[in-house]
mmCIF file of all heavy atoms, coordinates in Angstrom:
data_MODEL
# 
_entry.id   MODEL 
# 
loop_
_atom_site.group_PDB 
_atom_site.id 
_atom_site.type_symbol 
_atom_site.label_atom_id 
_atom_site.label_alt_id 
_atom_site.label_comp_id 
_atom_site.label_asym_id 
_atom_site.label_entity_id 
_atom_site.label_seq_id 
_atom_site.pdbx_PDB_ins_code 
_atom_site.Cartn_x 
_atom_site.Cartn_y 
_atom_site.Cartn_z 
_atom_site.occupancy 
_atom_site.B_iso_or_equiv 
_atom_site.pdbx_formal_charge 
_atom_site.auth_seq_id 
_atom_site.auth_comp_id 
_atom_site.auth_asym_id 
_atom_site.auth_atom_id 
_atom_site.pdbx_PDB_model_num 
ATOM 1   N N   . LYS A 1 1  ? -1.106 -12.746 -6.653  1.00 0.00 ? 1  LYS A N   1 
ATOM 2   C CA  . LYS A 1 1  ? -0.067 -13.717 -6.886  1.00 0.00 ? 1  LYS A CA  1 
ATOM 3   C C   . LYS A 1 1  ? -0.537 -15.148 -6.888  1.00 0.00 ? 1  LYS A C   1 
ATOM 4   O O   . LYS A 1 1  ? 0.281  -16.073 -7.031  1.00 0.00 ? 1  LYS A O   1 
ATOM 5   C CB  . LYS A 1 1  ? 0.975  -13.594 -5.729  1.00 0.00 ? 1  LYS A CB  1 
ATOM 6   C CG  . LYS A 1 1  ? 1.642  -12.215 -5.715  1.00 0.00 ? 1  LYS A CG  1 
ATOM 7   C CD  . LYS A 1 1  ? 2.623  -12.169 -4.516  1.00 0.00 ? 1  LYS A CD  1 
ATOM 8   C CE  . LYS A 1 1  ? 3.327  -10.817 -4.409  1.00 0.00 ? 1  LYS A CE  1 
ATOM 9   N NZ  . LYS A 1 1  ? 4.265  -10.767 -3.258  1.00 0.00 ? 1  LYS A NZ  1 
ATOM 10  N N   . ILE A 1 2  ? -1.858 -15.405 -6.757  1.00 0.00 ? 2  ILE A N   1 
ATOM 11  C CA  . ILE A 1 2  ? -2.353 -16.781 -6.653  1.00 0.00 ? 2  ILE A CA  1 
ATOM 12  C C   . ILE A 1 2  ? -1.923 -17.643 -7.843  1.00 0.00 ? 2  ILE A C   1 
ATOM 13  O O   . ILE A 1 2  ? -1.643 -18.846 -7.697  1.00 0.00 ? 2  ILE A O   1 
ATOM 14  C CB  . ILE A 1 2  ? -3.894 -16.774 -6.510  1.00 0.00 ? 2  ILE A CB  1 
ATOM 15  C CG1 . ILE A 1 2  ? -4.399 -18.182 -6.090  1.00 0.00 ? 2  ILE A CG1 1 
ATOM 16  C CG2 . ILE A 1 2  ? -4.554 -16.291 -7.767  1.00 0.00 ? 2  ILE A CG2 1 
ATOM 17  C CD1 . ILE A 1 2  ? -4.149 -18.554 -4.700  1.00 0.00 ? 2  ILE A CD1 1 
ATOM 18  N N   . GLY A 1 3  ? -1.792 -17.027 -9.024  1.00 0.00 ? 3  GLY A N   1 
ATOM 19  C CA  . GLY A 1 3  ? -1.393 -17.765 -10.184 1.00 0.00 ? 3  GLY A CA  1 
ATOM 20  C C   . GLY A 1 3  ? 0.046  -18.297 -10.116 1.00 0.00 ? 3  GLY A C   1 
ATOM 21  O O   . GLY A 1 3  ? 0.374  -19.231 -10.825 1.00 0.00 ? 3  GLY A O   1 
ATOM 22  N N   . SER A 1 4  ? 0.853  -17.721 -9.264  1.00 0.00 ? 4  SER A N   1 
ATOM 23  C CA  . SER A 1 4  ? 2.247  -18.131 -9.152  1.00 0.00 ? 4  SER A CA  1 
ATOM 24  C C   . SER A 1 4  ? 2.462  -19.257 -8.106  1.00 0.00 ? 4  SER A C   1 
ATOM 25  O O   . SER A 1 4  ? 3.581  -19.746 -7.981  1.00 0.00 ? 4  SER A O   1 
ATOM 26  C CB  . SER A 1 4  ? 3.130  -16.936 -8.773  1.00 0.00 ? 4  SER A CB  1 
ATOM 27  O OG  . SER A 1 4  ? 2.854  -16.494 -7.461  1.00 0.00 ? 4  SER A OG  1 
ATOM 28  N N   . LEU A 1 5  ? 1.410  -19.594 -7.374  1.00 0.00 ? 5  LEU A N   1 
ATOM 29  C CA  . LEU A 1 5  ? 1.556  -20.654 -6.383  1.00 0.00 ? 5  LEU A CA  1 
ATOM 30  C C   . LEU A 1 5  ? 1.668  -22.035 -7.073  1.00 0.00 ? 5  LEU A C   1 
ATOM 31  O O   . LEU A 1 5  ? 0.698  -22.528 -7.614  1.00 0.00 ? 5  LEU A O   1 
ATOM 32  C CB  . LEU A 1 5  ? 0.359  -20.636 -5.399  1.00 0.00 ? 5  LEU A CB  1 
ATOM 33  C CG  . LEU A 1 5  ? 0.348  -21.659 -4.276  1.00 0.00 ? 5  LEU A CG  1 
ATOM 34  C CD1 . LEU A 1 5  ? 1.621  -21.571 -3.430  1.00 0.00 ? 5  LEU A CD1 1 
ATOM 35  C CD2 . LEU A 1 5  ? -0.889 -21.503 -3.413  1.00 0.00 ? 5  LEU A CD2 1 
ATOM 36  N N   . ARG A 1 6  ? 2.827  -22.631 -6.972  1.00 0.00 ? 6  ARG A N   1 
ATOM 37  C CA  . ARG A 1 6  ? 3.123  -23.878 -7.677  1.00 0.00 ? 6  ARG A CA  1 
ATOM 38  C C   . ARG A 1 6  ? 2.600  -25.093 -6.934  1.00 0.00 ? 6  ARG A C   1 
ATOM 39  O O   . ARG A 1 6  ? 2.319  -26.124 -7.583  1.00 0.00 ? 6  ARG A O   1 
ATOM 40  C CB  . ARG A 1 6  ? 4.610  -24.040 -7.984  1.00 0.00 ? 6  ARG A CB  1 
ATOM 41  C CG  . ARG A 1 6  ? 5.133  -22.935 -8.879  1.00 0.00 ? 6  ARG A CG  1 
ATOM 42  C CD  . ARG A 1 6  ? 6.645  -23.166 -9.159  1.00 0.00 ? 6  ARG A CD  1 
ATOM 43  N NE  . ARG A 1 6  ? 7.175  -22.180 -10.048 1.00 0.00 ? 6  ARG A NE  1 
ATOM 44  C CZ  . ARG A 1 6  ? 8.420  -22.094 -10.470 1.00 0.00 ? 6  ARG A CZ  1 
ATOM 45  N NH1 . ARG A 1 6  ? 9.275  -23.053 -10.053 1.00 0.00 ? 6  ARG A NH1 1 
ATOM 46  N NH2 . ARG A 1 6  ? 8.850  -21.144 -11.281 1.00 0.00 ? 6  ARG A NH2 1 
ATOM 47  N N   . ASP A 1 7  ? 2.476  -25.025 -5.655  1.00 0.00 ? 7  ASP A N   1 
ATOM 48  C CA  . ASP A 1 7  ? 1.997  -26.175 -4.851  1.00 0.00 ? 7  ASP A CA  1 
ATOM 49  C C   . ASP A 1 7  ? 0.677  -25.750 -4.176  1.00 0.00 ? 7  ASP A C   1 
ATOM 50  O O   . ASP A 1 7  ? 0.680  -25.204 -3.080  1.00 0.00 ? 7  ASP A O   1 
ATOM 51  C CB  . ASP A 1 7  ? 3.055  -26.560 -3.808  1.00 0.00 ? 7  ASP A CB  1 
ATOM 52  C CG  . ASP A 1 7  ? 2.689  -27.832 -3.090  1.00 0.00 ? 7  ASP A CG  1 
ATOM 53  O OD1 . ASP A 1 7  ? 1.530  -28.315 -3.283  1.00 0.00 ? 7  ASP A OD1 1 
ATOM 54  O OD2 . ASP A 1 7  ? 3.520  -28.330 -2.288  1.00 0.00 ? 7  ASP A OD2 1 
ATOM 55  N N   . PRO A 1 8  ? -0.444 -25.970 -4.828  1.00 0.00 ? 8  PRO A N   1 
ATOM 56  C CA  . PRO A 1 8  ? -1.726 -25.511 -4.253  1.00 0.00 ? 8  PRO A CA  1 
ATOM 57  C C   . PRO A 1 8  ? -2.042 -26.016 -2.859  1.00 0.00 ? 8  PRO A C   1 
ATOM 58  O O   . PRO A 1 8  ? -2.702 -25.329 -2.103  1.00 0.00 ? 8  PRO A O   1 
ATOM 59  C CB  . PRO A 1 8  ? -2.759 -26.080 -5.256  1.00 0.00 ? 8  PRO A CB  1 
ATOM 60  C CG  . PRO A 1 8  ? -2.003 -26.212 -6.579  1.00 0.00 ? 8  PRO A CG  1 
ATOM 61  C CD  . PRO A 1 8  ? -0.627 -26.639 -6.117  1.00 0.00 ? 8  PRO A CD  1 
ATOM 62  N N   . GLU A 1 9  ? -1.532 -27.195 -2.511  1.00 0.00 ? 9  GLU A N   1 
ATOM 63  C CA  . GLU A 1 9  ? -1.782 -27.747 -1.172  1.00 0.00 ? 9  GLU A CA  1 
ATOM 64  C C   . GLU A 1 9  ? -1.074 -26.913 -0.066  1.00 0.00 ? 9  GLU A C   1 
ATOM 65  O O   . GLU A 1 9  ? -1.415 -27.016 1.106   1.00 0.00 ? 9  GLU A O   1 
ATOM 66  C CB  . GLU A 1 9  ? -1.323 -29.170 -1.047  1.00 0.00 ? 9  GLU A CB  1 
ATOM 67  C CG  . GLU A 1 9  ? -2.196 -30.149 -1.893  1.00 0.00 ? 9  GLU A CG  1 
ATOM 68  C CD  . GLU A 1 9  ? -1.812 -31.599 -1.638  1.00 0.00 ? 9  GLU A CD  1 
ATOM 69  O OE1 . GLU A 1 9  ? -0.915 -31.820 -0.823  1.00 0.00 ? 9  GLU A OE1 1 
ATOM 70  O OE2 . GLU A 1 9  ? -2.416 -32.467 -2.267  1.00 0.00 ? 9  GLU A OE2 1 
ATOM 71  N N   . ARG A 1 10 ? -0.127 -26.103 -0.467  1.00 0.00 ? 10 ARG A N   1 
ATOM 72  C CA  . ARG A 1 10 ? 0.644  -25.253 0.472   1.00 0.00 ? 10 ARG A CA  1 
ATOM 73  C C   . ARG A 1 10 ? 0.069  -23.853 0.605   1.00 0.00 ? 10 ARG A C   1 
ATOM 74  O O   . ARG A 1 10 ? 0.738  -22.940 1.045   1.00 0.00 ? 10 ARG A O   1 
ATOM 75  C CB  . ARG A 1 10 ? 2.088  -25.203 0.029   1.00 0.00 ? 10 ARG A CB  1 
ATOM 76  C CG  . ARG A 1 10 ? 2.750  -26.550 -0.113  1.00 0.00 ? 10 ARG A CG  1 
ATOM 77  C CD  . ARG A 1 10 ? 3.048  -27.173 1.226   1.00 0.00 ? 10 ARG A CD  1 
ATOM 78  N NE  . ARG A 1 10 ? 4.064  -26.403 1.984   1.00 0.00 ? 10 ARG A NE  1 
ATOM 79  C CZ  . ARG A 1 10 ? 4.323  -26.628 3.271   1.00 0.00 ? 10 ARG A CZ  1 
ATOM 80  N NH1 . ARG A 1 10 ? 3.665  -27.565 3.952   1.00 0.00 ? 10 ARG A NH1 1 
ATOM 81  N NH2 . ARG A 1 10 ? 5.254  -25.927 3.859   1.00 0.00 ? 10 ARG A NH2 1 
ATOM 82  N N   . PHE A 1 11 ? -1.194 -23.659 0.246   1.00 0.00 ? 11 PHE A N   1 
ATOM 83  C CA  . PHE A 1 11 ? -1.768 -22.328 0.262   1.00 0.00 ? 11 PHE A CA  1 
ATOM 84  C C   . PHE A 1 11 ? -1.667 -21.717 1.677   1.00 0.00 ? 11 PHE A C   1 
ATOM 85  O O   . PHE A 1 11 ? -1.345 -20.523 1.804   1.00 0.00 ? 11 PHE A O   1 
ATOM 86  C CB  . PHE A 1 11 ? -3.254 -22.348 -0.153  1.00 0.00 ? 11 PHE A CB  1 
ATOM 87  C CG  . PHE A 1 11 ? -3.927 -21.022 0.009   1.00 0.00 ? 11 PHE A CG  1 
ATOM 88  C CD1 . PHE A 1 11 ? -3.786 -20.030 -0.966  1.00 0.00 ? 11 PHE A CD1 1 
ATOM 89  C CD2 . PHE A 1 11 ? -4.691 -20.761 1.144   1.00 0.00 ? 11 PHE A CD2 1 
ATOM 90  C CE1 . PHE A 1 11 ? -4.371 -18.783 -0.786  1.00 0.00 ? 11 PHE A CE1 1 
ATOM 91  C CE2 . PHE A 1 11 ? -5.304 -19.517 1.291   1.00 0.00 ? 11 PHE A CE2 1 
ATOM 92  C CZ  . PHE A 1 11 ? -5.127 -18.557 0.316   1.00 0.00 ? 11 PHE A CZ  1 
ATOM 93  N N   . GLY A 1 12 ? -1.999 -22.476 2.695   1.00 0.00 ? 12 GLY A N   1 
ATOM 94  C CA  . GLY A 1 12 ? -2.029 -21.926 4.075   1.00 0.00 ? 12 GLY A CA  1 
ATOM 95  C C   . GLY A 1 12 ? -0.680 -21.324 4.478   1.00 0.00 ? 12 GLY A C   1 
ATOM 96  O O   . GLY A 1 12 ? -0.616 -20.131 4.824   1.00 0.00 ? 12 GLY A O   1 
ATOM 97  N N   . PRO A 1 13 ? 0.422  -22.100 4.453   1.00 0.00 ? 13 PRO A N   1 
ATOM 98  C CA  . PRO A 1 13 ? 1.715  -21.503 4.816   1.00 0.00 ? 13 PRO A CA  1 
ATOM 99  C C   . PRO A 1 13 ? 2.132  -20.369 3.932   1.00 0.00 ? 13 PRO A C   1 
ATOM 100 O O   . PRO A 1 13 ? 2.741  -19.370 4.367   1.00 0.00 ? 13 PRO A O   1 
ATOM 101 C CB  . PRO A 1 13 ? 2.660  -22.692 4.688   1.00 0.00 ? 13 PRO A CB  1 
ATOM 102 C CG  . PRO A 1 13 ? 1.810  -23.905 4.916   1.00 0.00 ? 13 PRO A CG  1 
ATOM 103 C CD  . PRO A 1 13 ? 0.500  -23.555 4.327   1.00 0.00 ? 13 PRO A CD  1 
ATOM 104 N N   . TRP A 1 14 ? 1.790  -20.489 2.625   1.00 0.00 ? 14 TRP A N   1 
ATOM 105 C CA  . TRP A 1 14 ? 2.131  -19.432 1.667   1.00 0.00 ? 14 TRP A CA  1 
ATOM 106 C C   . TRP A 1 14 ? 1.406  -18.131 2.037   1.00 0.00 ? 14 TRP A C   1 
ATOM 107 O O   . TRP A 1 14 ? 1.997  -17.067 2.057   1.00 0.00 ? 14 TRP A O   1 
ATOM 108 C CB  . TRP A 1 14 ? 1.745  -19.907 0.264   1.00 0.00 ? 14 TRP A CB  1 
ATOM 109 C CG  . TRP A 1 14 ? 1.910  -18.909 -0.825  1.00 0.00 ? 14 TRP A CG  1 
ATOM 110 C CD1 . TRP A 1 14 ? 3.098  -18.562 -1.407  1.00 0.00 ? 14 TRP A CD1 1 
ATOM 111 C CD2 . TRP A 1 14 ? 0.900  -18.200 -1.520  1.00 0.00 ? 14 TRP A CD2 1 
ATOM 112 N NE1 . TRP A 1 14 ? 2.878  -17.612 -2.431  1.00 0.00 ? 14 TRP A NE1 1 
ATOM 113 C CE2 . TRP A 1 14 ? 1.513  -17.386 -2.524  1.00 0.00 ? 14 TRP A CE2 1 
ATOM 114 C CE3 . TRP A 1 14 ? -0.509 -18.165 -1.412  1.00 0.00 ? 14 TRP A CE3 1 
ATOM 115 C CZ2 . TRP A 1 14 ? 0.802  -16.576 -3.344  1.00 0.00 ? 14 TRP A CZ2 1 
ATOM 116 C CZ3 . TRP A 1 14 ? -1.226 -17.341 -2.257  1.00 0.00 ? 14 TRP A CZ3 1 
ATOM 117 C CH2 . TRP A 1 14 ? -0.577 -16.568 -3.245  1.00 0.00 ? 14 TRP A CH2 1 
ATOM 118 N N   . ALA A 1 15 ? 0.103  -18.237 2.331   1.00 0.00 ? 15 ALA A N   1 
ATOM 119 C CA  . ALA A 1 15 ? -0.661 -17.042 2.727   1.00 0.00 ? 15 ALA A CA  1 
ATOM 120 C C   . ALA A 1 15 ? -0.160 -16.470 4.037   1.00 0.00 ? 15 ALA A C   1 
ATOM 121 O O   . ALA A 1 15 ? -0.079 -15.234 4.218   1.00 0.00 ? 15 ALA A O   1 
ATOM 122 C CB  . ALA A 1 15 ? -2.147 -17.399 2.800   1.00 0.00 ? 15 ALA A CB  1 
ATOM 123 N N   . MET A 1 16 ? 0.148  -17.341 5.000   1.00 0.00 ? 16 MET A N   1 
ATOM 124 C CA  . MET A 1 16 ? 0.667  -16.884 6.286   1.00 0.00 ? 16 MET A CA  1 
ATOM 125 C C   . MET A 1 16 ? 1.963  -16.121 6.065   1.00 0.00 ? 16 MET A C   1 
ATOM 126 O O   . MET A 1 16 ? 2.264  -15.121 6.751   1.00 0.00 ? 16 MET A O   1 
ATOM 127 C CB  . MET A 1 16 ? 0.897  -18.068 7.217   1.00 0.00 ? 16 MET A CB  1 
ATOM 128 C CG  . MET A 1 16 ? -0.363 -18.707 7.725   1.00 0.00 ? 16 MET A CG  1 
ATOM 129 S SD  . MET A 1 16 ? -1.114 -17.748 9.067   1.00 0.00 ? 16 MET A SD  1 
ATOM 130 C CE  . MET A 1 16 ? -2.345 -18.926 9.656   1.00 0.00 ? 16 MET A CE  1 
ATOM 131 N N   . ARG A 1 17 ? 2.833  -16.585 5.171   1.00 0.00 ? 17 ARG A N   1 
ATOM 132 C CA  . ARG A 1 17 ? 4.074  -15.912 4.917   1.00 0.00 ? 17 ARG A CA  1 
ATOM 133 C C   . ARG A 1 17 ? 3.839  -14.500 4.360   1.00 0.00 ? 17 ARG A C   1 
ATOM 134 O O   . ARG A 1 17 ? 4.562  -13.553 4.739   1.00 0.00 ? 17 ARG A O   1 
ATOM 135 C CB  . ARG A 1 17 ? 4.931  -16.723 3.948   1.00 0.00 ? 17 ARG A CB  1 
ATOM 136 C CG  . ARG A 1 17 ? 6.261  -16.109 3.582   1.00 0.00 ? 17 ARG A CG  1 
ATOM 137 C CD  . ARG A 1 17 ? 7.208  -16.124 4.786   1.00 0.00 ? 17 ARG A CD  1 
ATOM 138 N NE  . ARG A 1 17 ? 8.498  -15.511 4.433   1.00 0.00 ? 17 ARG A NE  1 
ATOM 139 C CZ  . ARG A 1 17 ? 9.525  -16.173 3.903   1.00 0.00 ? 17 ARG A CZ  1 
ATOM 140 N NH1 . ARG A 1 17 ? 9.373  -17.465 3.614   1.00 0.00 ? 17 ARG A NH1 1 
ATOM 141 N NH2 . ARG A 1 17 ? 10.659 -15.567 3.674   1.00 0.00 ? 17 ARG A NH2 1 
ATOM 142 N N   . ILE A 1 18 ? 2.877  -14.376 3.512   1.00 0.00 ? 18 ILE A N   1 
ATOM 143 C CA  . ILE A 1 18 ? 2.542  -13.039 2.955   1.00 0.00 ? 18 ILE A CA  1 
ATOM 144 C C   . ILE A 1 18 ? 2.101  -12.113 4.082   1.00 0.00 ? 18 ILE A C   1 
ATOM 145 O O   . ILE A 1 18 ? 2.486  -10.937 4.159   1.00 0.00 ? 18 ILE A O   1 
ATOM 146 C CB  . ILE A 1 18 ? 1.479  -13.173 1.843   1.00 0.00 ? 18 ILE A CB  1 
ATOM 147 C CG1 . ILE A 1 18 ? 2.087  -13.871 0.630   1.00 0.00 ? 18 ILE A CG1 1 
ATOM 148 C CG2 . ILE A 1 18 ? 0.943  -11.791 1.457   1.00 0.00 ? 18 ILE A CG2 1 
ATOM 149 C CD1 . ILE A 1 18 ? 1.069  -14.149 -0.493  1.00 0.00 ? 18 ILE A CD1 1 
ATOM 150 N N   . VAL A 1 19 ? 1.233  -12.630 4.974   1.00 0.00 ? 19 VAL A N   1 
ATOM 151 C CA  . VAL A 1 19 ? 0.809  -11.817 6.126   1.00 0.00 ? 19 VAL A CA  1 
ATOM 152 C C   . VAL A 1 19 ? 1.977  -11.453 6.996   1.00 0.00 ? 19 VAL A C   1 
ATOM 153 O O   . VAL A 1 19 ? 2.081  -10.311 7.450   1.00 0.00 ? 19 VAL A O   1 
ATOM 154 C CB  . VAL A 1 19 ? -0.287 -12.570 6.938   1.00 0.00 ? 19 VAL A CB  1 
ATOM 155 C CG1 . VAL A 1 19 ? -0.598 -11.829 8.227   1.00 0.00 ? 19 VAL A CG1 1 
ATOM 156 C CG2 . VAL A 1 19 ? -1.569 -12.754 6.147   1.00 0.00 ? 19 VAL A CG2 1 
ATOM 157 N N   . THR A 1 20 ? 2.866  -12.407 7.250   1.00 0.00 ? 20 THR A N   1 
ATOM 158 C CA  . THR A 1 20 ? 4.051  -12.159 8.046   1.00 0.00 ? 20 THR A CA  1 
ATOM 159 C C   . THR A 1 20 ? 4.832  -10.978 7.474   1.00 0.00 ? 20 THR A C   1 
ATOM 160 O O   . THR A 1 20 ? 5.268  -10.048 8.170   1.00 0.00 ? 20 THR A O   1 
ATOM 161 C CB  . THR A 1 20 ? 4.945  -13.409 8.141   1.00 0.00 ? 20 THR A CB  1 
ATOM 162 O OG1 . THR A 1 20 ? 4.224  -14.467 8.780   1.00 0.00 ? 20 THR A OG1 1 
ATOM 163 C CG2 . THR A 1 20 ? 6.218  -13.125 8.889   1.00 0.00 ? 20 THR A CG2 1 
ATOM 164 N N   . ASN A 1 21 ? 5.056  -11.020 6.160   1.00 0.00 ? 21 ASN A N   1 
ATOM 165 C CA  . ASN A 1 21 ? 5.841  -9.973  5.521   1.00 0.00 ? 21 ASN A CA  1 
ATOM 166 C C   . ASN A 1 21 ? 5.136  -8.608  5.593   1.00 0.00 ? 21 ASN A C   1 
ATOM 167 O O   . ASN A 1 21 ? 5.768  -7.573  5.806   1.00 0.00 ? 21 ASN A O   1 
ATOM 168 C CB  . ASN A 1 21 ? 6.097  -10.332 4.073   1.00 0.00 ? 21 ASN A CB  1 
ATOM 169 C CG  . ASN A 1 21 ? 7.083  -11.493 3.947   1.00 0.00 ? 21 ASN A CG  1 
ATOM 170 O OD1 . ASN A 1 21 ? 7.877  -11.790 4.851   1.00 0.00 ? 21 ASN A OD1 1 
ATOM 171 N ND2 . ASN A 1 21 ? 7.024  -12.198 2.824   1.00 0.00 ? 21 ASN A ND2 1 
ATOM 172 N N   . LYS A 1 22 ? 3.810  -8.622  5.446   1.00 0.00 ? 22 LYS A N   1 
ATOM 173 C CA  . LYS A 1 22 ? 3.076  -7.327  5.511   1.00 0.00 ? 22 LYS A CA  1 
ATOM 174 C C   . LYS A 1 22 ? 3.163  -6.772  6.907   1.00 0.00 ? 22 LYS A C   1 
ATOM 175 O O   . LYS A 1 22 ? 3.282  -5.534  7.114   1.00 0.00 ? 22 LYS A O   1 
ATOM 176 C CB  . LYS A 1 22 ? 1.620  -7.575  5.116   1.00 0.00 ? 22 LYS A CB  1 
ATOM 177 C CG  . LYS A 1 22 ? 1.384  -7.963  3.650   1.00 0.00 ? 22 LYS A CG  1 
ATOM 178 C CD  . LYS A 1 22 ? 1.837  -6.848  2.740   1.00 0.00 ? 22 LYS A CD  1 
ATOM 179 C CE  . LYS A 1 22 ? 1.579  -7.223  1.254   1.00 0.00 ? 22 LYS A CE  1 
ATOM 180 N NZ  . LYS A 1 22 ? 2.066  -6.164  0.342   1.00 0.00 ? 22 LYS A NZ  1 
ATOM 181 N N   . CYS A 1 23 ? 3.050  -7.646  7.914   1.00 0.00 ? 23 CYS A N   1 
ATOM 182 C CA  . CYS A 1 23 ? 3.137  -7.162  9.318   1.00 0.00 ? 23 CYS A CA  1 
ATOM 183 C C   . CYS A 1 23 ? 4.550  -6.634  9.627   1.00 0.00 ? 23 CYS A C   1 
ATOM 184 O O   . CYS A 1 23 ? 4.706  -5.644  10.367  1.00 0.00 ? 23 CYS A O   1 
ATOM 185 C CB  . CYS A 1 23 ? 2.777  -8.308  10.294  1.00 0.00 ? 23 CYS A CB  1 
ATOM 186 S SG  . CYS A 1 23 ? 1.030  -8.747  10.258  1.00 0.00 ? 23 CYS A SG  1 
ATOM 187 N N   . ARG A 1 24 ? 5.531  -7.258  9.091   1.00 0.00 ? 24 ARG A N   1 
ATOM 188 C CA  . ARG A 1 24 ? 6.925  -6.789  9.327   1.00 0.00 ? 24 ARG A CA  1 
ATOM 189 C C   . ARG A 1 24 ? 7.088  -5.425  8.638   1.00 0.00 ? 24 ARG A C   1 
ATOM 190 O O   . ARG A 1 24 ? 7.798  -4.550  9.166   1.00 0.00 ? 24 ARG A O   1 
ATOM 191 C CB  . ARG A 1 24 ? 7.923  -7.800  8.798   1.00 0.00 ? 24 ARG A CB  1 
ATOM 192 C CG  . ARG A 1 24 ? 8.026  -9.007  9.724   1.00 0.00 ? 24 ARG A CG  1 
ATOM 193 C CD  . ARG A 1 24 ? 8.882  -10.111 9.192   1.00 0.00 ? 24 ARG A CD  1 
ATOM 194 N NE  . ARG A 1 24 ? 8.998  -11.220 10.121  1.00 0.00 ? 24 ARG A NE  1 
ATOM 195 C CZ  . ARG A 1 24 ? 9.453  -12.412 9.836   1.00 0.00 ? 24 ARG A CZ  1 
ATOM 196 N NH1 . ARG A 1 24 ? 9.847  -12.689 8.595   1.00 0.00 ? 24 ARG A NH1 1 
ATOM 197 N NH2 . ARG A 1 24 ? 9.519  -13.346 10.743  1.00 0.00 ? 24 ARG A NH2 1 
ATOM 198 N N   . ASP A 1 25 ? 6.435  -5.211  7.514   1.00 0.00 ? 25 ASP A N   1 
ATOM 199 C CA  . ASP A 1 25 ? 6.475  -3.898  6.872   1.00 0.00 ? 25 ASP A CA  1 
ATOM 200 C C   . ASP A 1 25 ? 5.858  -2.836  7.781   1.00 0.00 ? 25 ASP A C   1 
ATOM 201 O O   . ASP A 1 25 ? 6.402  -1.743  7.933   1.00 0.00 ? 25 ASP A O   1 
ATOM 202 C CB  . ASP A 1 25 ? 5.707  -3.935  5.503   1.00 0.00 ? 25 ASP A CB  1 
ATOM 203 C CG  . ASP A 1 25 ? 6.467  -4.697  4.469   1.00 0.00 ? 25 ASP A CG  1 
ATOM 204 O OD1 . ASP A 1 25 ? 7.675  -4.960  4.623   1.00 0.00 ? 25 ASP A OD1 1 
ATOM 205 O OD2 . ASP A 1 25 ? 5.829  -5.075  3.470   1.00 0.00 ? 25 ASP A OD2 1 
ATOM 206 N N   . VAL A 1 26 ? 4.727  -3.161  8.379   1.00 0.00 ? 26 VAL A N   1 
ATOM 207 C CA  . VAL A 1 26 ? 4.057  -2.252  9.311   1.00 0.00 ? 26 VAL A CA  1 
ATOM 208 C C   . VAL A 1 26 ? 4.979  -1.912  10.489  1.00 0.00 ? 26 VAL A C   1 
ATOM 209 O O   . VAL A 1 26 ? 5.095  -0.780  10.876  1.00 0.00 ? 26 VAL A O   1 
ATOM 210 C CB  . VAL A 1 26 ? 2.709  -2.838  9.807   1.00 0.00 ? 26 VAL A CB  1 
ATOM 211 C CG1 . VAL A 1 26 ? 2.143  -1.979  10.940  1.00 0.00 ? 26 VAL A CG1 1 
ATOM 212 C CG2 . VAL A 1 26 ? 1.714  -2.949  8.650   1.00 0.00 ? 26 VAL A CG2 1 
ATOM 213 N N   . ARG A 1 27 ? 5.576  -2.915  11.076  1.00 0.00 ? 27 ARG A N   1 
ATOM 214 C CA  . ARG A 1 27 ? 6.466  -2.710  12.220  1.00 0.00 ? 27 ARG A CA  1 
ATOM 215 C C   . ARG A 1 27 ? 7.663  -1.839  11.843  1.00 0.00 ? 27 ARG A C   1 
ATOM 216 O O   . ARG A 1 27 ? 8.080  -0.971  12.613  1.00 0.00 ? 27 ARG A O   1 
ATOM 217 C CB  . ARG A 1 27 ? 6.895  -4.057  12.808  1.00 0.00 ? 27 ARG A CB  1 
ATOM 218 C CG  . ARG A 1 27 ? 5.794  -4.681  13.660  1.00 0.00 ? 27 ARG A CG  1 
ATOM 219 C CD  . ARG A 1 27 ? 5.913  -6.154  13.808  1.00 0.00 ? 27 ARG A CD  1 
ATOM 220 N NE  . ARG A 1 27 ? 7.245  -6.614  14.195  1.00 0.00 ? 27 ARG A NE  1 
ATOM 221 C CZ  . ARG A 1 27 ? 7.588  -7.856  14.252  1.00 0.00 ? 27 ARG A CZ  1 
ATOM 222 N NH1 . ARG A 1 27 ? 6.693  -8.823  13.918  1.00 0.00 ? 27 ARG A NH1 1 
ATOM 223 N NH2 . ARG A 1 27 ? 8.789  -8.240  14.627  1.00 0.00 ? 27 ARG A NH2 1 
ATOM 224 N N   . ARG A 1 28 ? 8.240  -2.072  10.653  1.00 0.00 ? 28 ARG A N   1 
ATOM 225 C CA  . ARG A 1 28 ? 9.377  -1.227  10.236  1.00 0.00 ? 28 ARG A CA  1 
ATOM 226 C C   . ARG A 1 28 ? 8.987  0.205   10.080  1.00 0.00 ? 28 ARG A C   1 
ATOM 227 O O   . ARG A 1 28 ? 9.697  1.085   10.479  1.00 0.00 ? 28 ARG A O   1 
ATOM 228 C CB  . ARG A 1 28 ? 9.929  -1.795  8.927   1.00 0.00 ? 28 ARG A CB  1 
ATOM 229 C CG  . ARG A 1 28 ? 10.880 -2.967  9.108   1.00 0.00 ? 28 ARG A CG  1 
ATOM 230 C CD  . ARG A 1 28 ? 11.695 -3.241  7.820   1.00 0.00 ? 28 ARG A CD  1 
ATOM 231 N NE  . ARG A 1 28 ? 10.809 -3.632  6.708   1.00 0.00 ? 28 ARG A NE  1 
ATOM 232 C CZ  . ARG A 1 28 ? 10.532 -4.905  6.431   1.00 0.00 ? 28 ARG A CZ  1 
ATOM 233 N NH1 . ARG A 1 28 ? 11.043 -5.878  7.169   1.00 0.00 ? 28 ARG A NH1 1 
ATOM 234 N NH2 . ARG A 1 28 ? 9.731  -5.205  5.417   1.00 0.00 ? 28 ARG A NH2 1 
ATOM 235 N N   . LYS A 1 29 ? 7.804  0.440   9.530   1.00 0.00 ? 29 LYS A N   1 
ATOM 236 C CA  . LYS A 1 29 ? 7.336  1.810   9.352   1.00 0.00 ? 29 LYS A CA  1 
ATOM 237 C C   . LYS A 1 29 ? 7.135  2.504   10.697  1.00 0.00 ? 29 LYS A C   1 
ATOM 238 O O   . LYS A 1 29 ? 7.375  3.685   10.851  1.00 0.00 ? 29 LYS A O   1 
ATOM 239 C CB  . LYS A 1 29 ? 6.032  1.839   8.537   1.00 0.00 ? 29 LYS A CB  1 
ATOM 240 C CG  . LYS A 1 29 ? 6.186  1.424   7.072   1.00 0.00 ? 29 LYS A CG  1 
ATOM 241 C CD  . LYS A 1 29 ? 4.863  1.345   6.381   1.00 0.00 ? 29 LYS A CD  1 
ATOM 242 C CE  . LYS A 1 29 ? 5.008  0.906   4.925   1.00 0.00 ? 29 LYS A CE  1 
ATOM 243 N NZ  . LYS A 1 29 ? 3.685  0.749   4.250   1.00 0.00 ? 29 LYS A NZ  1 
# 
């Protein structure tokens, strides 16, 4: 999804959000 990141300076929070969502998927399972 890196190509869809419109604000490159916001990479950190964007990446953290992806990790957050993946972890929530694990917890739901």
